Amino acid sequence: MYSSREKLRFRDVVPIRLVHDRWVSKYAEPWVAGLSDLKQQLEMTMEKVFEIYIRTTPERLWEALTDPDIRRHHQFGNGVVSDWTVGSTWEMTNPNAGAALGGGENLEVDPPRRLVQSFRATWSEDVAAEGTSRVTFEIEPVGDSCRLLVTHDQLRDGASDELYGGWPMILSGLKTWLETGEKLTTPGSLMYE
């Protein structure tokens, strides 16, 4: 039961919808289309994540990732040259032939915790055709060891595994060298010997 002081009011929402349809929707449509395109583009890319634990310090692991002499002489990766500042370029070469294998830009540099780089491989026509992707190295101390998480993303769906398939070998070589001082001698790890 209602008292005489209460008055129920009902709003007709049709005029509000007409205002929306006439004035607001024409401005919202480009935003919705843009978000839809972004969603579709993000869903068409893939990422590969590699995790390894290495008995070392974050500083020593960072140095092993960024020092060209260490990388070249200990063969867990290729020669990489950069000044390791945000916005600077980096280049990866075959240490024996001097041939460029790829490169990119340093997007984030936070020693000894995080390195994010754009990545464009050029060691074969197949990988060169893949375009630019991104690689993130994250170093986290865990007791007397480090957790190294490598995320290779912004890969097109169905990208050639030649682009990202070498990470287990590279990371295993890095772990072996940092923990033992020895080179990993599996056939794939000696490809630049």
C-alpha atoms as a PDB file:
ATOM      1  CA  MET A   1       0.000   0.000   0.000  1.00  0.00           C
ATOM      2  CA  TYR A   2       1.266   3.440  -0.895  1.00  0.00           C
ATOM      3  CA  SER A   3       0.945   6.496   1.232  1.00  0.00           C
ATOM      4  CA  SER A   4      -0.210   9.730  -0.251  1.00  0.00           C
ATOM      5  CA  ARG A   5       3.298  11.104   0.051  1.00  0.00           C
ATOM      6  CA  GLU A   6       4.839   8.433  -2.196  1.00  0.00           C
ATOM      7  CA  LYS A   7       4.741   8.915  -5.883  1.00  0.00           C
ATOM      8  CA  LEU A   8       6.120   6.295  -8.272  1.00  0.00           C
ATOM      9  CA  ARG A   9       7.803   7.637 -11.371  1.00  0.00           C
ATOM     10  CA  PHE A  10       8.519   5.658 -14.493  1.00  0.00           C
ATOM     11  CA  ARG A  11      10.946   6.724 -17.168  1.00  0.00           C
ATOM     12  CA  ASP A  12      10.427   6.012 -20.796  1.00  0.00           C
ATOM     13  CA  VAL A  13      13.831   4.713 -21.991  1.00  0.00           C
ATOM     14  CA  VAL A  14      12.971   4.925 -25.677  1.00  0.00           C
ATOM     15  CA  PRO A  15      14.016   8.592 -26.020  1.00  0.00           C
ATOM     16  CA  ILE A  16      17.334   7.826 -24.283  1.00  0.00           C
ATOM     17  CA  ARG A  17      17.977   4.987 -26.723  1.00  0.00           C
ATOM     18  CA  LEU A  18      17.157   7.276 -29.657  1.00  0.00           C
ATOM     19  CA  VAL A  19      19.691   9.845 -28.408  1.00  0.00           C
ATOM     20  CA  HIS A  20      22.291   7.067 -28.110  1.00  0.00           C
ATOM     21  CA  ASP A  21      21.555   5.703 -31.575  1.00  0.00           C
ATOM     22  CA  ARG A  22      21.640   9.116 -33.203  1.00  0.00           C
ATOM     23  CA  TRP A  23      24.554  10.814 -31.405  1.00  0.00           C
ATOM     24  CA  VAL A  24      26.703   8.430 -29.388  1.00  0.00           C
ATOM     25  CA  SER A  25      26.885   5.277 -31.507  1.00  0.00           C
ATOM     26  CA  LYS A  26      28.503   6.984 -34.495  1.00  0.00           C
ATOM     27  CA  TYR A  27      31.437   8.000 -32.249  1.00  0.00           C
ATOM     28  CA  ALA A  28      31.654   4.635 -30.472  1.00  0.00           C
ATOM     29  CA  GLU A  29      31.711   2.545 -33.655  1.00  0.00           C
ATOM     30  CA  PRO A  30      35.366   3.259 -34.590  1.00  0.00           C
ATOM     31  CA  TRP A  31      36.439   2.362 -31.028  1.00  0.00           C
ATOM     32  CA  VAL A  32      34.534  -0.910 -31.117  1.00  0.00           C
ATOM     33  CA  ALA A  33      35.972  -1.765 -34.537  1.00  0.00           C
ATOM     34  CA  GLY A  34      39.487  -0.967 -33.328  1.00  0.00           C
ATOM     35  CA  LEU A  35      39.105  -3.126 -30.231  1.00  0.00           C
ATOM     36  CA  SER A  36      37.702  -5.932 -32.336  1.00  0.00           C
ATOM     37  CA  ASP A  37      40.719  -5.721 -34.690  1.00  0.00           C
ATOM     38  CA  LEU A  38      43.101  -5.704 -31.704  1.00  0.00           C
ATOM     39  CA  LYS A  39      41.385  -8.749 -30.204  1.00  0.00           C
ATOM     40  CA  GLN A  40      41.648 -10.609 -33.511  1.00  0.00           C
ATOM     41  CA  GLN A  41      45.327  -9.685 -33.931  1.00  0.00           C
ATOM     42  CA  LEU A  42      46.211 -10.778 -30.383  1.00  0.00           C
ATOM     43  CA  GLU A  43      44.442 -14.085 -30.851  1.00  0.00           C
ATOM     44  CA  MET A  44      46.419 -14.762 -34.049  1.00  0.00           C
ATOM     45  CA  THR A  45      49.793 -14.614 -32.285  1.00  0.00           C
ATOM     46  CA  MET A  46      51.427 -17.199 -30.108  1.00  0.00           C
ATOM     47  CA  GLU A  47      54.079 -17.287 -27.433  1.00  0.00           C
ATOM     48  CA  LYS A  48      56.653 -19.830 -26.334  1.00  0.00           C
ATOM     49  CA  VAL A  49      57.788 -19.864 -22.720  1.00  0.00           C
ATOM     50  CA  PHE A  50      60.975 -21.553 -21.477  1.00  0.00           C
ATOM     51  CA  GLU A  51      61.911 -21.866 -17.807  1.00  0.00           C
ATOM     52  CA  ILE A  52      65.206 -23.080 -16.380  1.00  0.00           C
ATOM     53  CA  TYR A  53      66.871 -22.963 -12.971  1.00  0.00           C
ATOM     54  CA  ILE A  54      70.597 -22.236 -12.893  1.00  0.00           C
ATOM     55  CA  ARG A  55      72.884 -22.313  -9.870  1.00  0.00           C
ATOM     56  CA  THR A  56      74.383 -18.827 -10.177  1.00  0.00           C
ATOM     57  CA  THR A  57      73.794 -15.227  -9.115  1.00  0.00           C
ATOM     58  CA  PRO A  58      71.531 -12.812 -10.996  1.00  0.00           C
ATOM     59  CA  GLU A  59      74.540 -10.616 -11.775  1.00  0.00           C
ATOM     60  CA  ARG A  60      76.552 -13.475 -13.263  1.00  0.00           C
ATOM     61  CA  LEU A  61      73.562 -14.673 -15.298  1.00  0.00           C
ATOM     62  CA  TRP A  62      72.953 -11.128 -16.590  1.00  0.00           C
ATOM     63  CA  GLU A  63      76.609 -10.847 -17.579  1.00  0.00           C
ATOM     64  CA  ALA A  64      76.436 -14.189 -19.396  1.00  0.00           C
ATOM     65  CA  LEU A  65      73.406 -12.991 -21.362  1.00  0.00           C
ATOM     66  CA  THR A  66      74.832  -9.607 -22.314  1.00  0.00           C
ATOM     67  CA  ASP A  67      78.646  -9.864 -22.475  1.00  0.00           C
ATOM     68  CA  PRO A  68      79.686 -10.622 -26.079  1.00  0.00           C
ATOM     69  CA  ASP A  69      83.031 -12.152 -25.048  1.00  0.00           C
ATOM     70  CA  ILE A  70      81.399 -14.625 -22.660  1.00  0.00           C
ATOM     71  CA  ARG A  71      78.805 -15.643 -25.231  1.00  0.00           C
ATOM     72  CA  ARG A  72      81.364 -15.999 -28.017  1.00  0.00           C
ATOM     73  CA  HIS A  73      83.968 -17.958 -26.048  1.00  0.00           C
ATOM     74  CA  HIS A  74      81.665 -20.295 -24.190  1.00  0.00           C
ATOM     75  CA  GLN A  75      79.383 -21.246 -27.087  1.00  0.00           C
ATOM     76  CA  PHE A  76      76.004 -21.358 -25.368  1.00  0.00           C
ATOM     77  CA  GLY A  77      74.833 -18.707 -27.770  1.00  0.00           C
ATOM     78  CA  ASN A  78      76.051 -16.451 -30.524  1.00  0.00           C
ATOM     79  CA  GLY A  79      78.042 -13.254 -30.367  1.00  0.00           C
ATOM     80  CA  VAL A  80      75.702 -10.436 -29.369  1.00  0.00           C
ATOM     81  CA  VAL A  81      76.709  -6.785 -29.510  1.00  0.00           C
ATOM     82  CA  SER A  82      74.827  -3.903 -27.899  1.00  0.00           C
ATOM     83  CA  ASP A  83      75.285  -1.117 -25.374  1.00  0.00           C
ATOM     84  CA  TRP A  84      72.253  -2.524 -23.480  1.00  0.00           C
ATOM     85  CA  THR A  85      70.313   0.715 -23.093  1.00  0.00           C
ATOM     86  CA  VAL A  86      66.626   1.200 -23.805  1.00  0.00           C
ATOM     87  CA  GLY A  87      66.115   2.085 -27.462  1.00  0.00           C
ATOM     88  CA  SER A  88      69.545   0.872 -28.552  1.00  0.00           C
ATOM     89  CA  THR A  89      69.984  -1.885 -31.098  1.00  0.00           C
ATOM     90  CA  TRP A  90      71.495  -5.309 -30.622  1.00  0.00           C
ATOM     91  CA  GLU A  91      72.977  -7.655 -33.217  1.00  0.00           C
ATOM     92  CA  MET A  92      73.580 -11.390 -33.112  1.00  0.00           C
ATOM     93  CA  THR A  93      76.358 -12.861 -35.242  1.00  0.00           C
ATOM     94  CA  ASN A  94      77.925 -16.232 -35.913  1.00  0.00           C
ATOM     95  CA  PRO A  95      81.140 -15.949 -33.857  1.00  0.00           C
ATOM     96  CA  ASN A  96      83.268 -17.822 -36.404  1.00  0.00           C
ATOM     97  CA  ALA A  97      81.903 -16.596 -39.724  1.00  0.00           C
ATOM     98  CA  GLY A  98      80.965 -13.084 -38.594  1.00  0.00           C
ATOM     99  CA  ALA A  99      77.658 -13.416 -40.428  1.00  0.00           C
ATOM    100  CA  ALA A 100      74.662 -11.521 -39.050  1.00  0.00           C
ATOM    101  CA  LEU A 101      72.022 -13.886 -37.653  1.00  0.00           C
ATOM    102  CA  GLY A 102      69.515 -11.323 -36.452  1.00  0.00           C
ATOM    103  CA  GLY A 103      68.971  -8.351 -34.227  1.00  0.00           C
ATOM    104  CA  GLY A 104      66.494  -5.869 -32.919  1.00  0.00           C
ATOM    105  CA  GLU A 105      65.943  -3.157 -30.349  1.00  0.00           C
ATOM    106  CA  ASN A 106      66.300  -3.209 -26.566  1.00  0.00           C
ATOM    107  CA  LEU A 107      62.808  -2.340 -25.341  1.00  0.00           C
ATOM    108  CA  GLU A 108      63.378  -2.740 -21.567  1.00  0.00           C
ATOM    109  CA  VAL A 109      66.720  -3.028 -19.769  1.00  0.00           C
ATOM    110  CA  ASP A 110      66.621  -3.581 -15.995  1.00  0.00           C
ATOM    111  CA  PRO A 111      69.859  -5.298 -14.906  1.00  0.00           C
ATOM    112  CA  PRO A 112      70.059  -7.895 -13.496  1.00  0.00           C
ATOM    113  CA  ARG A 113      66.340  -8.690 -13.562  1.00  0.00           C
ATOM    114  CA  ARG A 114      64.706  -8.086 -16.931  1.00  0.00           C
ATOM    115  CA  LEU A 115      65.630  -7.628 -20.577  1.00  0.00           C
ATOM    116  CA  VAL A 116      63.018  -7.220 -23.314  1.00  0.00           C
ATOM    117  CA  GLN A 117      64.064  -7.101 -26.961  1.00  0.00           C
ATOM    118  CA  SER A 118      62.428  -6.994 -30.348  1.00  0.00           C
ATOM    119  CA  PHE A 119      63.772  -9.918 -32.363  1.00  0.00           C
ATOM    120  CA  ARG A 120      64.212 -10.270 -36.108  1.00  0.00           C
ATOM    121  CA  ALA A 121      66.045 -13.410 -37.201  1.00  0.00           C
ATOM    122  CA  THR A 122      67.914 -13.497 -40.524  1.00  0.00           C
ATOM    123  CA  TRP A 123      69.801 -16.809 -40.467  1.00  0.00           C
ATOM    124  CA  SER A 124      67.515 -18.339 -43.120  1.00  0.00           C
ATOM    125  CA  GLU A 125      64.872 -17.202 -45.597  1.00  0.00           C
ATOM    126  CA  ASP A 126      62.156 -18.990 -43.591  1.00  0.00           C
ATOM    127  CA  VAL A 127      62.887 -17.149 -40.345  1.00  0.00           C
ATOM    128  CA  ALA A 128      63.464 -13.825 -42.083  1.00  0.00           C
ATOM    129  CA  ALA A 129      59.969 -14.143 -43.571  1.00  0.00           C
ATOM    130  CA  GLU A 130      58.504 -14.433 -40.047  1.00  0.00           C
ATOM    131  CA  GLY A 131      59.143 -10.756 -39.340  1.00  0.00           C
ATOM    132  CA  THR A 132      59.711  -9.230 -35.921  1.00  0.00           C
ATOM    133  CA  SER A 133      58.824 -10.914 -32.632  1.00  0.00           C
ATOM    134  CA  ARG A 134      59.773 -10.186 -29.022  1.00  0.00           C
ATOM    135  CA  VAL A 135      61.958 -11.974 -26.455  1.00  0.00           C
ATOM    136  CA  THR A 136      61.777 -11.318 -22.701  1.00  0.00           C
ATOM    137  CA  PHE A 137      64.388 -12.568 -20.238  1.00  0.00           C
ATOM    138  CA  GLU A 138      63.317 -12.488 -16.583  1.00  0.00           C
ATOM    139  CA  ILE A 139      65.817 -13.391 -13.851  1.00  0.00           C
ATOM    140  CA  GLU A 140      64.574 -14.179 -10.354  1.00  0.00           C
ATOM    141  CA  PRO A 141      66.850 -15.272  -7.488  1.00  0.00           C
ATOM    142  CA  VAL A 142      65.739 -18.496  -5.814  1.00  0.00           C
ATOM    143  CA  GLY A 143      67.999 -19.455  -2.894  1.00  0.00           C
ATOM    144  CA  ASP A 144      71.494 -20.032  -4.299  1.00  0.00           C
ATOM    145  CA  SER A 145      70.123 -20.259  -7.838  1.00  0.00           C
ATOM    146  CA  CYS A 146      68.204 -18.213 -10.384  1.00  0.00           C
ATOM    147  CA  ARG A 147      65.029 -18.888 -12.255  1.00  0.00           C
ATOM    148  CA  LEU A 148      65.417 -17.751 -15.861  1.00  0.00           C
ATOM    149  CA  LEU A 149      62.150 -17.346 -17.715  1.00  0.00           C
ATOM    150  CA  VAL A 150      62.428 -16.695 -21.446  1.00  0.00           C
ATOM    151  CA  THR A 151      59.241 -15.705 -23.244  1.00  0.00           C
ATOM    152  CA  HIS A 152      59.366 -15.534 -27.041  1.00  0.00           C
ATOM    153  CA  ASP A 153      56.090 -13.938 -28.108  1.00  0.00           C
ATOM    154  CA  GLN A 154      54.409 -11.874 -30.801  1.00  0.00           C
ATOM    155  CA  LEU A 155      55.008 -14.857 -33.077  1.00  0.00           C
ATOM    156  CA  ARG A 156      52.455 -15.343 -35.799  1.00  0.00           C
ATOM    157  CA  ASP A 157      50.219 -18.356 -35.319  1.00  0.00           C
ATOM    158  CA  GLY A 158      51.962 -21.260 -37.036  1.00  0.00           C
ATOM    159  CA  ALA A 159      55.391 -19.570 -37.076  1.00  0.00           C
ATOM    160  CA  SER A 160      58.335 -21.683 -38.174  1.00  0.00           C
ATOM    161  CA  ASP A 161      59.727 -23.635 -35.218  1.00  0.00           C
ATOM    162  CA  GLU A 162      63.176 -22.808 -36.568  1.00  0.00           C
ATOM    163  CA  LEU A 163      62.581 -19.355 -35.056  1.00  0.00           C
ATOM    164  CA  TYR A 164      62.034 -20.515 -31.463  1.00  0.00           C
ATOM    165  CA  GLY A 165      63.049 -24.192 -31.428  1.00  0.00           C
ATOM    166  CA  GLY A 166      66.666 -23.530 -30.424  1.00  0.00           C
ATOM    167  CA  TRP A 167      65.842 -22.043 -27.014  1.00  0.00           C
ATOM    168  CA  PRO A 168      66.091 -25.341 -25.050  1.00  0.00           C
ATOM    169  CA  MET A 169      69.581 -26.000 -26.496  1.00  0.00           C
ATOM    170  CA  ILE A 170      70.762 -22.416 -25.863  1.00  0.00           C
ATOM    171  CA  LEU A 171      69.447 -22.361 -22.298  1.00  0.00           C
ATOM    172  CA  SER A 172      70.886 -25.809 -21.543  1.00  0.00           C
ATOM    173  CA  GLY A 173      74.276 -24.647 -22.823  1.00  0.00           C
ATOM    174  CA  LEU A 174      74.040 -21.541 -20.653  1.00  0.00           C
ATOM    175  CA  LYS A 175      73.166 -23.611 -17.576  1.00  0.00           C
ATOM    176  CA  THR A 176      75.975 -26.112 -18.221  1.00  0.00           C
ATOM    177  CA  TRP A 177      78.590 -23.400 -18.650  1.00  0.00           C
ATOM    178  CA  LEU A 178      77.520 -21.341 -15.619  1.00  0.00           C
ATOM    179  CA  GLU A 179      77.367 -24.376 -13.340  1.00  0.00           C
ATOM    180  CA  THR A 180      80.398 -26.361 -14.560  1.00  0.00           C
ATOM    181  CA  GLY A 181      82.514 -24.056 -16.704  1.00  0.00           C
ATOM    182  CA  GLU A 182      82.262 -26.665 -19.464  1.00  0.00           C
ATOM    183  CA  LYS A 183      80.655 -26.460 -22.911  1.00  0.00           C
ATOM    184  CA  LEU A 184      77.593 -28.513 -23.659  1.00  0.00           C
ATOM    185  CA  THR A 185      78.644 -31.065 -26.282  1.00  0.00           C
ATOM    186  CA  THR A 186      75.349 -32.176 -27.790  1.00  0.00           C
ATOM    187  CA  PRO A 187      75.461 -31.975 -31.609  1.00  0.00           C
ATOM    188  CA  GLY A 188      73.117 -28.983 -31.834  1.00  0.00           C
ATOM    189  CA  SER A 189      75.092 -27.000 -29.290  1.00  0.00           C
ATOM    190  CA  LEU A 190      78.260 -27.312 -31.372  1.00  0.00           C
ATOM    191  CA  MET A 191      76.732 -25.870 -34.549  1.00  0.00           C
ATOM    192  CA  TYR A 192      78.871 -22.702 -34.297  1.00  0.00           C
ATOM    193  CA  GLU A 193      82.040 -24.475 -33.093  1.00  0.00           C
END
